[in-house]
Amino acid sequence: HQGRSYDSLIAHTTIVFVRYIVLSWQNRCGSDQRTLGGMFYELCDEVNELDWAAALQTLLSLLEEISQKATKRLKTFIDCQVQQWAACLPSYIKGYLPQLNCES
């Protein structure tokens, strides 16, 4: 089949690339050593080592420091935005946050 329209050329090229991606994926699953073993579990161990609660406290401290150096209007805006963000967090994460107050 010979197609000369632009749409048919794009469709053919897309099909060829999709077939190549699927064949490459199947080849990797069958022969690549990186897909075997405990790679997922090693990644989980690295993530567990990150202290996200400390990172969250550092982020909030940084925002507080910026807010203290800002004008009163900008400070109020930053504080309210942080409070709205914190209100959307799950309760187990809120337990790690200090009390946030929004001044109006």
N, C-alpha and C. Protein backbone atom coordinates (compact mmCIF):
# COMPACT_ATOMS: atom_id res chain seq x y z
N HIS A 1 0.85 -1.17 0.00
CA HIS A 1 0.00 0.00 0.00
C HIS A 1 0.89 1.23 0.00
N GLN A 2 0.58 2.14 -0.85
CA GLN A 2 1.38 3.36 -0.96
C GLN A 2 0.47 4.56 -0.67
N GLY A 3 0.79 5.29 0.37
CA GLY A 3 0.00 6.46 0.71
C GLY A 3 0.78 7.72 0.42
N ARG A 4 0.09 8.68 -0.12
CA ARG A 4 0.76 9.92 -0.47
C ARG A 4 0.22 11.11 0.31
N SER A 5 -0.83 10.91 1.08
CA SER A 5 -1.36 12.03 1.85
C SER A 5 -0.54 12.21 3.13
N TYR A 6 -0.53 13.41 3.61
CA TYR A 6 0.22 13.73 4.82
C TYR A 6 -0.30 12.93 6.01
N ASP A 7 -1.62 12.83 6.15
CA ASP A 7 -2.21 12.08 7.26
C ASP A 7 -1.82 10.61 7.23
N SER A 8 -1.78 10.01 6.07
CA SER A 8 -1.41 8.59 5.99
C SER A 8 0.07 8.39 6.33
N LEU A 9 0.92 9.34 5.95
CA LEU A 9 2.34 9.23 6.29
C LEU A 9 2.54 9.35 7.80
N ILE A 10 1.82 10.28 8.43
CA ILE A 10 1.92 10.44 9.88
C ILE A 10 1.40 9.18 10.58
N ALA A 11 0.28 8.64 10.12
CA ALA A 11 -0.29 7.44 10.72
C ALA A 11 0.68 6.26 10.59
N HIS A 12 1.27 6.09 9.43
CA HIS A 12 2.21 4.99 9.21
C HIS A 12 3.43 5.14 10.12
N THR A 13 3.98 6.34 10.19
CA THR A 13 5.15 6.58 11.03
C THR A 13 4.82 6.32 12.50
N THR A 14 3.64 6.74 12.93
CA THR A 14 3.23 6.51 14.32
C THR A 14 3.12 5.02 14.61
N ILE A 15 2.54 4.27 13.72
CA ILE A 15 2.40 2.82 13.91
C ILE A 15 3.77 2.15 13.97
N VAL A 16 4.68 2.57 13.11
CA VAL A 16 6.02 1.99 13.11
C VAL A 16 6.71 2.26 14.44
N PHE A 17 6.64 3.50 14.93
CA PHE A 17 7.29 3.83 16.20
C PHE A 17 6.64 3.11 17.38
N VAL A 18 5.33 2.97 17.38
CA VAL A 18 4.65 2.26 18.46
C VAL A 18 5.08 0.80 18.46
N ARG A 19 5.16 0.18 17.29
CA ARG A 19 5.63 -1.21 17.23
C ARG A 19 7.06 -1.33 17.73
N TYR A 20 7.91 -0.37 17.38
CA TYR A 20 9.29 -0.39 17.85
C TYR A 20 9.36 -0.27 19.37
N ILE A 21 8.56 0.63 19.94
CA ILE A 21 8.55 0.81 21.39
C ILE A 21 8.09 -0.46 22.10
N VAL A 22 7.05 -1.10 21.58
CA VAL A 22 6.54 -2.33 22.19
C VAL A 22 7.58 -3.44 22.09
N LEU A 23 8.20 -3.60 20.93
CA LEU A 23 9.22 -4.63 20.78
C LEU A 23 10.43 -4.36 21.67
N SER A 24 10.85 -3.10 21.78
CA SER A 24 11.97 -2.76 22.66
C SER A 24 11.64 -3.05 24.11
N TRP A 25 10.41 -2.73 24.50
CA TRP A 25 9.98 -2.98 25.88
C TRP A 25 9.98 -4.48 26.17
N GLN A 26 9.45 -5.28 25.23
CA GLN A 26 9.45 -6.74 25.42
C GLN A 26 10.87 -7.28 25.50
N ASN A 27 11.76 -6.75 24.70
CA ASN A 27 13.15 -7.19 24.73
C ASN A 27 13.80 -6.83 26.07
N ARG A 28 13.53 -5.66 26.56
CA ARG A 28 14.11 -5.24 27.83
C ARG A 28 13.58 -6.10 28.97
N CYS A 29 12.30 -6.38 28.97
CA CYS A 29 11.73 -7.21 30.04
C CYS A 29 12.32 -8.61 30.03
N GLY A 30 12.71 -9.08 28.87
CA GLY A 30 13.23 -10.44 28.77
C GLY A 30 14.72 -10.56 28.97
N SER A 31 15.48 -9.48 28.74
CA SER A 31 16.92 -9.65 28.76
C SER A 31 17.69 -8.63 29.59
N ASP A 32 17.09 -7.53 29.94
CA ASP A 32 17.81 -6.48 30.66
C ASP A 32 17.83 -6.79 32.15
N GLN A 33 19.03 -6.83 32.72
CA GLN A 33 19.18 -7.18 34.13
C GLN A 33 18.61 -6.11 35.06
N ARG A 34 18.43 -4.87 34.56
CA ARG A 34 17.89 -3.82 35.42
C ARG A 34 16.43 -4.06 35.77
N THR A 35 15.73 -4.89 35.04
CA THR A 35 14.33 -5.14 35.34
C THR A 35 14.16 -6.28 36.36
N LEU A 36 15.26 -6.92 36.72
CA LEU A 36 15.19 -8.04 37.65
C LEU A 36 15.66 -7.62 39.03
N GLY A 37 15.29 -8.37 40.02
CA GLY A 37 15.81 -8.15 41.36
C GLY A 37 15.03 -7.12 42.14
N GLY A 38 15.72 -6.52 43.11
CA GLY A 38 15.06 -5.65 44.06
C GLY A 38 15.23 -4.17 43.80
N MET A 39 15.27 -3.78 42.54
CA MET A 39 15.45 -2.38 42.24
C MET A 39 14.35 -1.52 42.87
N PHE A 40 13.12 -2.00 42.82
CA PHE A 40 12.00 -1.26 43.41
C PHE A 40 12.21 -1.12 44.92
N TYR A 41 12.62 -2.19 45.56
CA TYR A 41 12.80 -2.16 47.00
C TYR A 41 13.98 -1.28 47.40
N GLU A 42 15.03 -1.25 46.58
CA GLU A 42 16.15 -0.35 46.87
C GLU A 42 15.71 1.10 46.79
N LEU A 43 14.87 1.42 45.82
CA LEU A 43 14.35 2.77 45.71
C LEU A 43 13.50 3.12 46.93
N CYS A 44 12.68 2.18 47.38
CA CYS A 44 11.85 2.42 48.57
C CYS A 44 12.73 2.69 49.78
N ASP A 45 13.85 1.97 49.91
CA ASP A 45 14.76 2.21 51.03
C ASP A 45 15.34 3.61 50.98
N GLU A 46 15.69 4.08 49.78
CA GLU A 46 16.23 5.43 49.65
C GLU A 46 15.18 6.46 50.01
N VAL A 47 13.95 6.25 49.60
CA VAL A 47 12.88 7.20 49.92
C VAL A 47 12.62 7.22 51.41
N ASN A 48 12.68 6.06 52.06
CA ASN A 48 12.47 6.02 53.50
C ASN A 48 13.55 6.78 54.25
N GLU A 49 14.77 6.82 53.70
CA GLU A 49 15.85 7.53 54.36
C GLU A 49 15.63 9.04 54.32
N LEU A 50 14.87 9.52 53.37
CA LEU A 50 14.58 10.95 53.32
C LEU A 50 13.62 11.29 54.46
N ASP A 51 13.97 12.27 55.23
CA ASP A 51 13.10 12.69 56.32
C ASP A 51 12.19 13.79 55.81
N TRP A 52 11.05 13.40 55.30
CA TRP A 52 10.15 14.37 54.66
C TRP A 52 9.57 15.34 55.68
N ALA A 53 9.43 14.90 56.91
CA ALA A 53 8.91 15.81 57.93
C ALA A 53 9.89 16.95 58.18
N ALA A 54 11.19 16.63 58.22
CA ALA A 54 12.21 17.67 58.40
C ALA A 54 12.25 18.58 57.18
N ALA A 55 12.09 18.01 56.00
CA ALA A 55 12.07 18.83 54.78
C ALA A 55 10.87 19.77 54.78
N LEU A 56 9.73 19.29 55.23
CA LEU A 56 8.53 20.12 55.31
C LEU A 56 8.71 21.25 56.31
N GLN A 57 9.30 20.95 57.46
CA GLN A 57 9.57 21.99 58.45
C GLN A 57 10.55 23.03 57.91
N THR A 58 11.56 22.59 57.18
CA THR A 58 12.52 23.51 56.59
C THR A 58 11.86 24.41 55.57
N LEU A 59 10.99 23.85 54.76
CA LEU A 59 10.27 24.64 53.77
C LEU A 59 9.40 25.70 54.44
N LEU A 60 8.68 25.31 55.46
CA LEU A 60 7.83 26.27 56.18
C LEU A 60 8.66 27.34 56.88
N SER A 61 9.81 26.97 57.43
CA SER A 61 10.69 27.95 58.06
C SER A 61 11.20 28.95 57.03
N LEU A 62 11.55 28.45 55.86
CA LEU A 62 12.01 29.33 54.78
C LEU A 62 10.91 30.29 54.36
N LEU A 63 9.70 29.79 54.21
CA LEU A 63 8.58 30.66 53.85
C LEU A 63 8.30 31.69 54.95
N GLU A 64 8.44 31.29 56.21
CA GLU A 64 8.24 32.22 57.32
C GLU A 64 9.31 33.32 57.29
N GLU A 65 10.54 32.92 57.02
CA GLU A 65 11.63 33.90 56.94
C GLU A 65 11.40 34.91 55.81
N ILE A 66 10.96 34.42 54.67
CA ILE A 66 10.65 35.30 53.54
C ILE A 66 9.50 36.22 53.91
N SER A 67 8.51 35.65 54.54
CA SER A 67 7.32 36.43 54.91
C SER A 67 7.67 37.53 55.91
N GLN A 68 8.60 37.28 56.83
CA GLN A 68 9.00 38.28 57.82
C GLN A 68 9.71 39.47 57.17
N LYS A 69 10.40 39.22 56.05
CA LYS A 69 11.14 40.28 55.36
C LYS A 69 10.26 41.03 54.36
N ALA A 70 9.06 40.55 54.13
CA ALA A 70 8.18 41.13 53.12
C ALA A 70 7.33 42.25 53.73
N THR A 71 6.66 42.97 52.86
CA THR A 71 5.73 44.00 53.33
C THR A 71 4.56 43.31 54.04
N LYS A 72 3.80 44.09 54.80
CA LYS A 72 2.68 43.51 55.55
C LYS A 72 1.66 42.85 54.62
N ARG A 73 1.39 43.49 53.49
CA ARG A 73 0.42 42.94 52.54
C ARG A 73 0.91 41.62 51.95
N LEU A 74 2.20 41.58 51.57
CA LEU A 74 2.77 40.34 51.01
C LEU A 74 2.85 39.27 52.09
N LYS A 75 3.18 39.65 53.32
CA LYS A 75 3.24 38.69 54.43
C LYS A 75 1.88 38.05 54.64
N THR A 76 0.83 38.87 54.63
CA THR A 76 -0.53 38.35 54.81
C THR A 76 -0.88 37.40 53.66
N PHE A 77 -0.50 37.75 52.44
CA PHE A 77 -0.78 36.90 51.29
C PHE A 77 -0.06 35.55 51.41
N ILE A 78 1.23 35.60 51.75
CA ILE A 78 2.01 34.36 51.88
C ILE A 78 1.41 33.48 52.98
N ASP A 79 1.12 34.09 54.12
CA ASP A 79 0.57 33.33 55.25
C ASP A 79 -0.77 32.67 54.88
N CYS A 80 -1.62 33.41 54.20
CA CYS A 80 -2.92 32.85 53.80
C CYS A 80 -2.77 31.73 52.77
N GLN A 81 -1.83 31.90 51.84
CA GLN A 81 -1.61 30.85 50.84
C GLN A 81 -1.09 29.58 51.49
N VAL A 82 -0.17 29.72 52.44
CA VAL A 82 0.36 28.55 53.15
C VAL A 82 -0.75 27.88 53.95
N GLN A 83 -1.60 28.68 54.58
CA GLN A 83 -2.70 28.12 55.37
C GLN A 83 -3.69 27.37 54.47
N GLN A 84 -4.00 27.94 53.31
CA GLN A 84 -4.92 27.25 52.39
C GLN A 84 -4.30 25.96 51.88
N TRP A 85 -3.00 25.97 51.61
CA TRP A 85 -2.31 24.76 51.16
C TRP A 85 -2.35 23.70 52.26
N ALA A 86 -2.08 24.14 53.50
CA ALA A 86 -2.07 23.20 54.62
C ALA A 86 -3.45 22.62 54.88
N ALA A 87 -4.49 23.39 54.62
CA ALA A 87 -5.85 22.90 54.85
C ALA A 87 -6.20 21.73 53.93
N CYS A 88 -5.55 21.66 52.79
CA CYS A 88 -5.83 20.58 51.83
C CYS A 88 -5.02 19.31 52.10
N LEU A 89 -4.09 19.38 53.02
CA LEU A 89 -3.23 18.23 53.30
C LEU A 89 -3.97 17.18 54.13
N PRO A 90 -3.59 15.92 53.99
CA PRO A 90 -4.17 14.87 54.85
C PRO A 90 -3.81 15.12 56.31
N SER A 91 -4.62 14.62 57.21
CA SER A 91 -4.45 14.90 58.64
C SER A 91 -3.12 14.36 59.18
N TYR A 92 -2.62 13.24 58.65
CA TYR A 92 -1.36 12.72 59.18
C TYR A 92 -0.19 13.63 58.85
N ILE A 93 -0.29 14.41 57.78
CA ILE A 93 0.76 15.38 57.46
C ILE A 93 0.55 16.66 58.27
N LYS A 94 -0.70 17.05 58.48
CA LYS A 94 -0.98 18.26 59.27
C LYS A 94 -0.41 18.14 60.67
N GLY A 95 -0.30 16.94 61.20
CA GLY A 95 0.27 16.75 62.53
C GLY A 95 1.71 17.19 62.64
N TYR A 96 2.43 17.26 61.52
CA TYR A 96 3.82 17.69 61.53
C TYR A 96 3.96 19.20 61.38
N LEU A 97 2.86 19.89 61.07
CA LEU A 97 2.91 21.33 60.83
C LEU A 97 2.63 22.11 62.10
N PRO A 98 3.27 23.27 62.24
CA PRO A 98 2.90 24.14 63.35
C PRO A 98 1.54 24.76 63.06
N GLN A 99 0.94 25.39 64.06
CA GLN A 99 -0.34 26.06 63.85
C GLN A 99 -0.12 27.24 62.91
N LEU A 100 -0.92 27.30 61.86
CA LEU A 100 -0.81 28.37 60.88
C LEU A 100 -2.00 29.29 61.02
N ASN A 101 -1.75 30.57 61.16
CA ASN A 101 -2.83 31.54 61.30
C ASN A 101 -2.81 32.51 60.15
N CYS A 102 -3.96 32.80 59.61
CA CYS A 102 -4.10 33.73 58.50
C CYS A 102 -4.71 35.01 59.04
N GLU A 103 -3.96 36.11 58.91
CA GLU A 103 -4.48 37.39 59.33
C GLU A 103 -5.18 38.04 58.17
N SER A 104 -6.33 38.64 58.42
CA SER A 104 -7.03 39.31 57.33
C SER A 104 -7.03 40.80 57.53
